[in-house]
N, C-alpha and C. Protein backbone atom coordinates (compact mmCIF):
# COMPACT_ATOMS: atom_id res chain seq x y z
N MET A 1 -138.40 70.57 19.13
CA MET A 1 -139.56 71.01 18.37
C MET A 1 -139.36 72.47 17.97
N PHE A 2 -139.02 72.74 16.75
CA PHE A 2 -138.85 74.08 16.20
C PHE A 2 -137.79 74.89 16.94
N GLY A 3 -136.95 74.28 17.72
CA GLY A 3 -135.90 74.99 18.42
C GLY A 3 -136.42 75.85 19.56
N ILE A 4 -137.57 75.51 20.11
CA ILE A 4 -138.15 76.29 21.20
C ILE A 4 -137.96 75.50 22.50
N GLY A 5 -137.42 76.18 23.51
CA GLY A 5 -137.18 75.54 24.79
C GLY A 5 -138.40 75.62 25.70
N GLY A 6 -138.29 75.02 26.87
CA GLY A 6 -139.40 74.99 27.83
C GLY A 6 -139.79 76.37 28.33
N GLY A 7 -138.80 77.19 28.64
CA GLY A 7 -139.08 78.54 29.12
C GLY A 7 -139.79 79.39 28.08
N GLU A 8 -139.42 79.20 26.83
CA GLU A 8 -140.05 79.96 25.75
C GLU A 8 -141.50 79.54 25.56
N ILE A 9 -141.77 78.25 25.71
CA ILE A 9 -143.15 77.76 25.59
C ILE A 9 -144.01 78.35 26.71
N VAL A 10 -143.49 78.36 27.92
CA VAL A 10 -144.23 78.93 29.05
C VAL A 10 -144.52 80.41 28.79
N PHE A 11 -143.56 81.13 28.27
CA PHE A 11 -143.75 82.56 27.97
C PHE A 11 -144.84 82.75 26.91
N ILE A 12 -144.82 81.92 25.88
CA ILE A 12 -145.84 82.02 24.83
C ILE A 12 -147.23 81.73 25.40
N ILE A 13 -147.33 80.74 26.26
CA ILE A 13 -148.62 80.41 26.88
C ILE A 13 -149.11 81.57 27.73
N LEU A 14 -148.23 82.17 28.50
CA LEU A 14 -148.63 83.32 29.33
C LEU A 14 -149.11 84.50 28.48
N VAL A 15 -148.40 84.78 27.39
CA VAL A 15 -148.81 85.86 26.50
C VAL A 15 -150.16 85.55 25.88
N ALA A 16 -150.37 84.31 25.45
CA ALA A 16 -151.66 83.92 24.86
C ALA A 16 -152.78 84.06 25.88
N LEU A 17 -152.53 83.67 27.13
CA LEU A 17 -153.55 83.82 28.17
C LEU A 17 -153.90 85.29 28.40
N MET A 18 -152.89 86.14 28.39
CA MET A 18 -153.14 87.56 28.62
C MET A 18 -153.89 88.19 27.45
N LEU A 19 -153.57 87.76 26.23
CA LEU A 19 -154.21 88.36 25.06
C LEU A 19 -155.65 87.87 24.86
N PHE A 20 -155.87 86.57 24.99
CA PHE A 20 -157.16 86.00 24.64
C PHE A 20 -158.01 85.63 25.84
N GLY A 21 -157.43 85.46 26.98
CA GLY A 21 -158.18 85.06 28.16
C GLY A 21 -158.33 83.55 28.21
N SER A 22 -158.65 83.06 29.39
CA SER A 22 -158.73 81.61 29.59
C SER A 22 -159.96 81.00 28.93
N ASP A 23 -160.96 81.81 28.59
CA ASP A 23 -162.18 81.28 27.98
C ASP A 23 -161.96 80.90 26.51
N LYS A 24 -161.15 81.67 25.81
CA LYS A 24 -161.01 81.46 24.37
C LYS A 24 -159.85 80.52 23.99
N ILE A 25 -158.98 80.22 24.91
CA ILE A 25 -157.81 79.36 24.60
C ILE A 25 -158.25 77.98 24.11
N PRO A 26 -159.19 77.27 24.77
CA PRO A 26 -159.59 75.96 24.25
C PRO A 26 -160.20 76.04 22.85
N GLU A 27 -160.96 77.09 22.60
CA GLU A 27 -161.55 77.26 21.27
C GLU A 27 -160.47 77.48 20.21
N ILE A 28 -159.48 78.29 20.54
CA ILE A 28 -158.36 78.53 19.62
C ILE A 28 -157.58 77.24 19.37
N ALA A 29 -157.37 76.45 20.43
CA ALA A 29 -156.64 75.18 20.29
C ALA A 29 -157.39 74.21 19.38
N ARG A 30 -158.73 74.13 19.55
CA ARG A 30 -159.54 73.26 18.69
C ARG A 30 -159.45 73.71 17.23
N THR A 31 -159.53 75.02 17.01
CA THR A 31 -159.45 75.55 15.66
C THR A 31 -158.09 75.24 15.03
N LEU A 32 -157.02 75.44 15.80
CA LEU A 32 -155.68 75.10 15.29
C LEU A 32 -155.56 73.61 14.99
N GLY A 33 -156.15 72.78 15.83
CA GLY A 33 -156.13 71.33 15.59
C GLY A 33 -156.84 70.97 14.30
N LYS A 34 -158.01 71.60 14.06
CA LYS A 34 -158.75 71.33 12.82
C LYS A 34 -157.96 71.79 11.60
N ILE A 35 -157.32 72.95 11.71
CA ILE A 35 -156.51 73.47 10.60
C ILE A 35 -155.36 72.52 10.30
N MET A 36 -154.69 72.04 11.35
CA MET A 36 -153.57 71.11 11.16
C MET A 36 -154.04 69.82 10.50
N ALA A 37 -155.22 69.30 10.92
CA ALA A 37 -155.75 68.07 10.33
C ALA A 37 -156.08 68.29 8.85
N GLN A 38 -156.68 69.43 8.52
CA GLN A 38 -157.01 69.73 7.13
C GLN A 38 -155.73 69.86 6.29
N LEU A 39 -154.73 70.49 6.84
CA LEU A 39 -153.46 70.64 6.14
C LEU A 39 -152.81 69.28 5.89
N LYS A 40 -152.87 68.41 6.89
CA LYS A 40 -152.31 67.07 6.74
C LYS A 40 -153.07 66.28 5.68
N ASN A 41 -154.40 66.37 5.68
CA ASN A 41 -155.20 65.66 4.68
C ASN A 41 -154.91 66.19 3.28
N ALA A 42 -154.80 67.50 3.15
CA ALA A 42 -154.49 68.09 1.84
C ALA A 42 -153.13 67.62 1.35
N THR A 43 -152.17 67.57 2.22
CA THR A 43 -150.83 67.11 1.86
C THR A 43 -150.87 65.65 1.40
N ASN A 44 -151.60 64.82 2.14
CA ASN A 44 -151.71 63.41 1.76
C ASN A 44 -152.42 63.26 0.41
N ASP A 45 -153.45 64.07 0.16
CA ASP A 45 -154.15 64.02 -1.12
C ASP A 45 -153.22 64.40 -2.26
N ILE A 46 -152.42 65.43 -2.06
CA ILE A 46 -151.48 65.86 -3.10
C ILE A 46 -150.46 64.76 -3.37
N LYS A 47 -149.96 64.14 -2.30
CA LYS A 47 -148.98 63.06 -2.47
C LYS A 47 -149.59 61.91 -3.26
N SER A 48 -150.82 61.53 -2.93
CA SER A 48 -151.45 60.41 -3.64
C SER A 48 -151.71 60.75 -5.10
N GLU A 49 -152.11 61.99 -5.40
CA GLU A 49 -152.33 62.40 -6.79
C GLU A 49 -151.02 62.38 -7.58
N ILE A 50 -149.95 62.82 -6.98
CA ILE A 50 -148.65 62.79 -7.66
C ILE A 50 -148.24 61.34 -7.92
N GLN A 51 -148.44 60.48 -6.94
CA GLN A 51 -148.09 59.07 -7.09
C GLN A 51 -148.92 58.42 -8.20
N LYS A 52 -150.22 58.74 -8.26
CA LYS A 52 -151.07 58.19 -9.33
C LYS A 52 -150.60 58.68 -10.69
N GLY A 53 -150.24 59.95 -10.79
CA GLY A 53 -149.75 60.49 -12.05
C GLY A 53 -148.46 59.84 -12.49
N VAL A 54 -147.57 59.61 -11.54
CA VAL A 54 -146.29 58.95 -11.85
C VAL A 54 -146.54 57.53 -12.35
N GLU A 55 -147.42 56.81 -11.67
CA GLU A 55 -147.71 55.44 -12.08
C GLU A 55 -148.42 55.41 -13.43
N ALA A 56 -149.32 56.35 -13.68
CA ALA A 56 -150.06 56.38 -14.94
C ALA A 56 -149.14 56.64 -16.12
N ASN A 57 -148.13 57.45 -15.93
CA ASN A 57 -147.20 57.78 -17.02
C ASN A 57 -146.03 56.80 -17.12
N GLY A 58 -145.97 55.83 -16.23
CA GLY A 58 -144.89 54.85 -16.29
C GLY A 58 -143.57 55.38 -15.79
N LEU A 59 -143.59 56.49 -15.09
CA LEU A 59 -142.33 57.06 -14.61
C LEU A 59 -141.75 56.27 -13.45
N ASP A 60 -142.60 55.54 -12.71
CA ASP A 60 -142.07 54.78 -11.58
C ASP A 60 -141.14 53.68 -12.06
N THR A 61 -141.48 53.02 -13.17
CA THR A 61 -140.59 51.98 -13.68
C THR A 61 -139.33 52.60 -14.27
N THR A 62 -139.47 53.77 -14.91
CA THR A 62 -138.30 54.46 -15.45
C THR A 62 -137.34 54.85 -14.32
N ILE A 63 -137.89 55.34 -13.24
CA ILE A 63 -137.05 55.72 -12.10
C ILE A 63 -136.36 54.49 -11.53
N LYS A 64 -137.07 53.37 -11.43
CA LYS A 64 -136.46 52.14 -10.92
C LYS A 64 -135.34 51.66 -11.85
N GLU A 65 -135.55 51.78 -13.16
CA GLU A 65 -134.51 51.37 -14.10
C GLU A 65 -133.28 52.27 -13.98
N ILE A 66 -133.50 53.57 -13.85
CA ILE A 66 -132.38 54.49 -13.70
C ILE A 66 -131.63 54.20 -12.41
N LYS A 67 -132.36 53.94 -11.35
CA LYS A 67 -131.72 53.63 -10.07
C LYS A 67 -130.89 52.35 -10.20
N SER A 68 -131.44 51.36 -10.88
CA SER A 68 -130.72 50.10 -11.08
C SER A 68 -129.45 50.33 -11.89
N ASP A 69 -129.56 51.16 -12.95
CA ASP A 69 -128.38 51.46 -13.78
C ASP A 69 -127.29 52.15 -12.95
N PHE A 70 -127.69 53.11 -12.13
CA PHE A 70 -126.71 53.80 -11.29
C PHE A 70 -126.09 52.85 -10.27
N THR A 71 -126.88 51.95 -9.72
CA THR A 71 -126.35 50.97 -8.77
C THR A 71 -125.31 50.08 -9.45
N ASP A 72 -125.63 49.62 -10.67
CA ASP A 72 -124.69 48.78 -11.41
C ASP A 72 -123.42 49.55 -11.76
N LEU A 73 -123.59 50.81 -12.16
CA LEU A 73 -122.44 51.64 -12.48
C LEU A 73 -121.56 51.85 -11.25
N GLY A 74 -122.18 52.10 -10.11
CA GLY A 74 -121.43 52.27 -8.87
C GLY A 74 -120.65 51.01 -8.51
N ALA A 75 -121.27 49.85 -8.69
CA ALA A 75 -120.58 48.59 -8.40
C ALA A 75 -119.40 48.39 -9.34
N SER A 76 -119.59 48.74 -10.60
CA SER A 76 -118.50 48.61 -11.57
C SER A 76 -117.34 49.54 -11.23
N ILE A 77 -117.66 50.76 -10.85
CA ILE A 77 -116.61 51.72 -10.46
C ILE A 77 -115.86 51.23 -9.23
N ASN A 78 -116.59 50.72 -8.24
CA ASN A 78 -115.94 50.19 -7.04
C ASN A 78 -115.02 49.03 -7.38
N LYS A 79 -115.44 48.16 -8.29
CA LYS A 79 -114.61 47.04 -8.70
C LYS A 79 -113.33 47.54 -9.37
N ASP A 80 -113.47 48.52 -10.28
CA ASP A 80 -112.30 49.07 -10.96
C ASP A 80 -111.34 49.72 -9.97
N ILE A 81 -111.87 50.41 -8.99
CA ILE A 81 -111.02 51.06 -7.98
C ILE A 81 -110.27 50.01 -7.18
N ARG A 82 -110.95 48.94 -6.76
CA ARG A 82 -110.28 47.88 -6.00
C ARG A 82 -109.17 47.23 -6.83
N GLU A 83 -109.43 47.00 -8.12
CA GLU A 83 -108.41 46.41 -8.98
C GLU A 83 -107.20 47.34 -9.13
N ALA A 84 -107.47 48.63 -9.29
CA ALA A 84 -106.37 49.60 -9.42
C ALA A 84 -105.56 49.67 -8.13
N GLN A 85 -106.24 49.61 -6.99
CA GLN A 85 -105.53 49.63 -5.71
C GLN A 85 -104.65 48.39 -5.57
N ALA A 86 -105.17 47.24 -5.98
CA ALA A 86 -104.40 46.00 -5.88
C ALA A 86 -103.15 46.07 -6.76
N LYS A 87 -103.30 46.62 -7.99
CA LYS A 87 -102.15 46.75 -8.89
C LYS A 87 -101.12 47.71 -8.32
N MET A 88 -101.59 48.83 -7.79
CA MET A 88 -100.67 49.81 -7.21
C MET A 88 -99.94 49.22 -6.01
N THR A 89 -100.64 48.47 -5.19
CA THR A 89 -100.01 47.84 -4.02
C THR A 89 -98.94 46.84 -4.47
N ALA A 90 -99.26 46.04 -5.49
CA ALA A 90 -98.29 45.06 -5.99
C ALA A 90 -97.06 45.77 -6.56
N GLN A 91 -97.27 46.83 -7.33
CA GLN A 91 -96.15 47.57 -7.90
C GLN A 91 -95.31 48.22 -6.81
N THR A 92 -95.96 48.78 -5.80
CA THR A 92 -95.25 49.42 -4.69
C THR A 92 -94.42 48.39 -3.94
N ASN A 93 -94.99 47.22 -3.70
CA ASN A 93 -94.25 46.17 -2.99
C ASN A 93 -93.05 45.71 -3.81
N THR A 94 -93.21 45.63 -5.12
CA THR A 94 -92.09 45.22 -5.98
C THR A 94 -90.97 46.25 -5.91
N VAL A 95 -91.33 47.53 -6.01
CA VAL A 95 -90.32 48.59 -5.95
C VAL A 95 -89.62 48.58 -4.59
N LEU A 96 -90.39 48.41 -3.53
CA LEU A 96 -89.79 48.38 -2.18
C LEU A 96 -88.86 47.18 -2.01
N ASP A 97 -89.26 46.03 -2.53
CA ASP A 97 -88.39 44.85 -2.44
C ASP A 97 -87.08 45.07 -3.20
N GLU A 98 -87.17 45.67 -4.39
CA GLU A 98 -85.95 45.94 -5.17
C GLU A 98 -85.05 46.94 -4.44
N ALA A 99 -85.66 47.96 -3.85
CA ALA A 99 -84.88 48.95 -3.11
C ALA A 99 -84.21 48.30 -1.90
N ALA A 100 -84.92 47.42 -1.22
CA ALA A 100 -84.34 46.75 -0.06
C ALA A 100 -83.16 45.87 -0.48
N LYS A 101 -83.27 45.19 -1.62
CA LYS A 101 -82.16 44.36 -2.11
C LYS A 101 -80.94 45.23 -2.42
N GLU A 102 -81.18 46.39 -3.08
CA GLU A 102 -80.07 47.28 -3.42
C GLU A 102 -79.40 47.83 -2.17
N VAL A 103 -80.19 48.17 -1.16
CA VAL A 103 -79.62 48.66 0.09
C VAL A 103 -78.80 47.57 0.76
N ASN A 104 -79.31 46.35 0.74
CA ASN A 104 -78.57 45.24 1.33
C ASN A 104 -77.27 44.98 0.59
N GLU A 105 -77.30 45.12 -0.73
CA GLU A 105 -76.08 44.91 -1.51
C GLU A 105 -75.06 46.01 -1.21
N LEU A 106 -75.52 47.26 -1.09
CA LEU A 106 -74.61 48.35 -0.77
C LEU A 106 -74.10 48.27 0.65
N ASP A 107 -74.92 47.78 1.52
CA ASP A 107 -74.62 47.72 2.95
C ASP A 107 -73.58 46.64 3.24
N GLY A 108 -73.53 45.61 2.43
CA GLY A 108 -72.66 44.46 2.69
C GLY A 108 -71.20 44.82 2.89
N PRO A 109 -70.49 45.44 1.95
CA PRO A 109 -69.07 45.70 2.11
C PRO A 109 -68.77 46.80 3.12
N VAL A 110 -69.75 47.66 3.45
CA VAL A 110 -69.50 48.77 4.35
C VAL A 110 -69.68 48.36 5.81
N LYS A 111 -70.33 47.25 6.06
CA LYS A 111 -70.60 46.86 7.44
C LYS A 111 -69.31 46.72 8.23
N ARG A 112 -69.36 47.19 9.45
CA ARG A 112 -68.20 47.06 10.34
C ARG A 112 -68.21 45.68 10.96
N GLN A 113 -67.06 45.21 11.13
CA GLN A 113 -66.96 43.93 11.80
C GLN A 113 -66.70 44.19 13.29
N SER A 114 -67.41 43.51 14.12
CA SER A 114 -67.27 43.74 15.54
C SER A 114 -66.19 42.90 16.15
């Protein structure tokens, strides 16, 4: 939580007790709780207003269409890459087979007889 350890929390609580006293701490905690709830409600209201505006302008369908287009494009690129890899592998295997045949042909007359 915010990168604060247990010892640091205890220190903060002790400082708060010394500054405000034990009588005012519950009141401060309630006030902070109310502020956090209001902030959360305001954030949710803003999110819902943005969502309504997006839906009213038809941007949600546009975003879905763009996402679909990118997904299709990504699939097409992946397919092209797989095909290119398969061609390269086939060409590499052909070259290696030809090289192996040439080595075997050169190796034949030079081999020592035991």
